[in-house]
Amino acid sequence: MTTDLFSHLNWLAVLAAAVAYFMLGAIWYSKALFATHWARAAGLKMDDPSKKGLGKMMLTSFILILLTCLGLALLVNRLDLFVWISGLKLGAVTGLLFACTAVAISFVYESRPTSIYFIDGGYHLAGHIAAAIILSCWR
């Protein structure tokens, strides 16, 4: 049963979706978009030269995004989605109902500024949409 679950997946599409989601983060959290506001709200200094552990954080983030894209690919395959609009709808649903709610649960306990939630939640919503579109179109 397990091999059946994964046998029909396009693994290259899963990887491409993960790379797109990850690269969206590079743009989303750049100075051109939300980096300055996010860092200020989080109490971080953008000019801090200490980047210790950044590589490990990036690798961990990519692996988690890859797992998210694997889950999305399973849904796309199971729901038999094959056009971009279906991917957009699936990404919006999973982004809002899974990713944004999971991020919100953490924020309830962390007492962080609401603006950080909207930046982080917006990123994951956009990431789910981008990944689901790629996975729907490239089967």
Protein backbone atom coordinates (compact mmCIF):
# COMPACT_ATOMS: atom_id res chain seq x y z
CA MET A 1 0.00 0.00 0.00
CA THR A 2 2.76 2.46 0.88
CA THR A 3 4.59 1.93 -2.39
CA ASP A 4 1.30 2.41 -4.22
CA LEU A 5 0.83 5.74 -2.48
CA PHE A 6 4.14 7.11 -3.74
CA SER A 7 4.55 5.24 -7.03
CA HIS A 8 2.57 7.68 -9.17
CA LEU A 9 4.27 10.84 -7.96
CA ASN A 10 6.40 12.99 -10.21
CA TRP A 11 9.41 13.37 -7.90
CA LEU A 12 11.00 16.02 -10.10
CA ALA A 13 7.81 18.09 -9.80
CA VAL A 14 7.92 17.65 -6.00
CA LEU A 15 11.51 18.92 -5.97
CA ALA A 16 10.66 21.82 -8.31
CA ALA A 17 7.69 22.80 -6.14
CA ALA A 18 9.91 22.75 -3.04
CA VAL A 19 12.56 24.89 -4.73
CA ALA A 20 9.88 27.37 -5.85
CA TYR A 21 8.39 27.55 -2.33
CA PHE A 22 11.87 28.01 -0.80
CA MET A 23 12.89 30.67 -3.34
CA LEU A 24 9.63 32.50 -2.72
CA GLY A 25 10.84 32.77 0.87
CA ALA A 26 14.07 34.38 -0.31
CA ILE A 27 12.02 37.01 -2.12
CA TRP A 28 9.34 37.34 0.58
CA TYR A 29 11.86 37.95 3.35
CA SER A 30 14.13 40.20 1.27
CA LYS A 31 14.54 43.92 1.88
CA ALA A 32 12.45 44.51 -1.25
CA LEU A 33 9.39 43.08 0.50
CA PHE A 34 9.05 42.27 4.20
CA ALA A 35 12.53 41.78 5.73
CA THR A 36 12.81 45.18 7.37
CA HIS A 37 9.33 45.17 8.90
CA TRP A 38 9.57 41.50 9.93
CA ALA A 39 12.97 41.99 11.60
CA ARG A 40 11.84 45.14 13.41
CA ALA A 41 8.67 43.43 14.69
CA ALA A 42 10.72 40.39 15.75
CA GLY A 43 13.30 42.58 17.48
CA LEU A 44 16.15 41.45 15.22
CA LYS A 45 18.94 43.59 13.81
CA MET A 46 19.42 43.26 10.05
CA ASP A 47 23.04 44.41 10.23
CA ASP A 48 24.06 41.76 12.79
CA PRO A 49 27.20 40.13 11.33
CA SER A 50 26.62 36.90 13.26
CA LYS A 51 25.09 34.41 10.85
CA LYS A 52 25.96 31.40 13.00
CA GLY A 53 23.68 28.47 12.27
CA LEU A 54 22.07 30.10 9.24
CA GLY A 55 23.06 27.26 6.90
CA LYS A 56 21.54 24.67 9.22
CA MET A 57 18.34 26.71 9.50
CA MET A 58 18.10 27.04 5.72
CA LEU A 59 18.68 23.31 5.18
CA THR A 60 16.11 22.41 7.83
CA SER A 61 13.61 24.83 6.27
CA PHE A 62 14.14 23.31 2.83
CA ILE A 63 13.65 19.76 4.13
CA LEU A 64 10.41 20.79 5.85
CA ILE A 65 9.21 22.54 2.70
CA LEU A 66 10.08 19.41 0.71
CA LEU A 67 7.90 17.36 3.08
CA THR A 68 5.08 19.88 2.68
CA CYS A 69 5.35 19.57 -1.10
CA LEU A 70 5.32 15.79 -0.82
CA GLY A 71 2.04 16.06 1.11
CA LEU A 72 0.63 18.43 -1.49
CA ALA A 73 1.71 16.05 -4.28
CA LEU A 74 -0.15 13.20 -2.57
CA LEU A 75 -3.29 15.34 -2.42
CA VAL A 76 -2.93 16.48 -6.03
CA ASN A 77 -2.51 12.86 -7.12
CA ARG A 78 -5.36 11.54 -4.98
CA LEU A 79 -7.73 14.32 -6.08
CA ASP A 80 -6.59 13.88 -9.70
CA LEU A 81 -5.90 17.58 -10.25
CA PHE A 82 -4.27 18.54 -13.53
CA VAL A 83 -4.93 22.22 -14.27
CA TRP A 84 -3.46 25.32 -12.66
CA ILE A 85 -6.76 26.65 -11.29
CA SER A 86 -7.28 23.41 -9.36
CA GLY A 87 -3.78 23.78 -7.94
CA LEU A 88 -4.51 27.36 -6.97
CA LYS A 89 -7.68 26.28 -5.13
CA LEU A 90 -5.95 23.39 -3.38
CA GLY A 91 -3.02 25.60 -2.39
CA ALA A 92 -5.37 28.25 -1.02
CA VAL A 93 -7.31 25.69 1.02
CA THR A 94 -4.25 23.91 2.43
CA GLY A 95 -2.41 27.19 2.93
CA LEU A 96 -5.26 28.75 4.90
CA LEU A 97 -6.59 25.71 6.73
CA PHE A 98 -3.33 23.91 7.48
CA ALA A 99 -0.32 26.23 7.25
CA CYS A 100 -1.83 29.50 8.48
CA THR A 101 -3.68 27.82 11.34
CA ALA A 102 -0.53 25.97 12.44
CA VAL A 103 1.43 29.22 12.38
CA ALA A 104 -1.40 30.92 14.32
CA ILE A 105 -1.30 28.30 17.09
CA SER A 106 2.33 29.17 17.75
CA PHE A 107 1.54 32.89 17.77
CA VAL A 108 -1.18 32.41 20.38
CA TYR A 109 1.46 31.22 22.84
CA GLU A 110 4.42 33.34 21.75
CA SER A 111 2.81 36.78 22.19
CA ARG A 112 4.55 38.09 19.09
CA PRO A 113 3.26 41.06 17.06
CA THR A 114 0.33 40.30 14.77
CA SER A 115 2.22 41.78 11.81
CA ILE A 116 4.71 38.90 12.00
CA TYR A 117 1.83 36.43 11.79
CA PHE A 118 0.50 38.05 8.64
CA ILE A 119 3.95 38.11 7.03
CA ASP A 120 4.70 34.48 7.95
CA GLY A 121 1.19 33.23 7.24
CA GLY A 122 1.11 35.08 3.93
CA TYR A 123 4.38 33.45 2.93
CA HIS A 124 3.09 29.96 3.64
CA LEU A 125 -0.20 30.67 1.90
CA ALA A 126 1.64 31.91 -1.20
CA GLY A 127 4.07 28.97 -0.96
CA HIS A 128 1.25 26.43 -0.84
CA ILE A 129 -0.43 28.05 -3.82
CA ALA A 130 2.77 28.14 -5.90
CA ALA A 131 3.67 24.55 -5.02
CA ALA A 132 0.18 23.20 -5.67
CA ILE A 133 0.01 24.93 -9.06
CA ILE A 134 3.35 23.40 -10.08
CA LEU A 135 2.30 19.96 -8.85
CA SER A 136 -1.09 20.14 -10.60
CA CYS A 137 0.34 21.21 -13.93
CA TRP A 138 3.39 18.93 -13.96
CA ARG A 139 2.10 15.44 -13.40
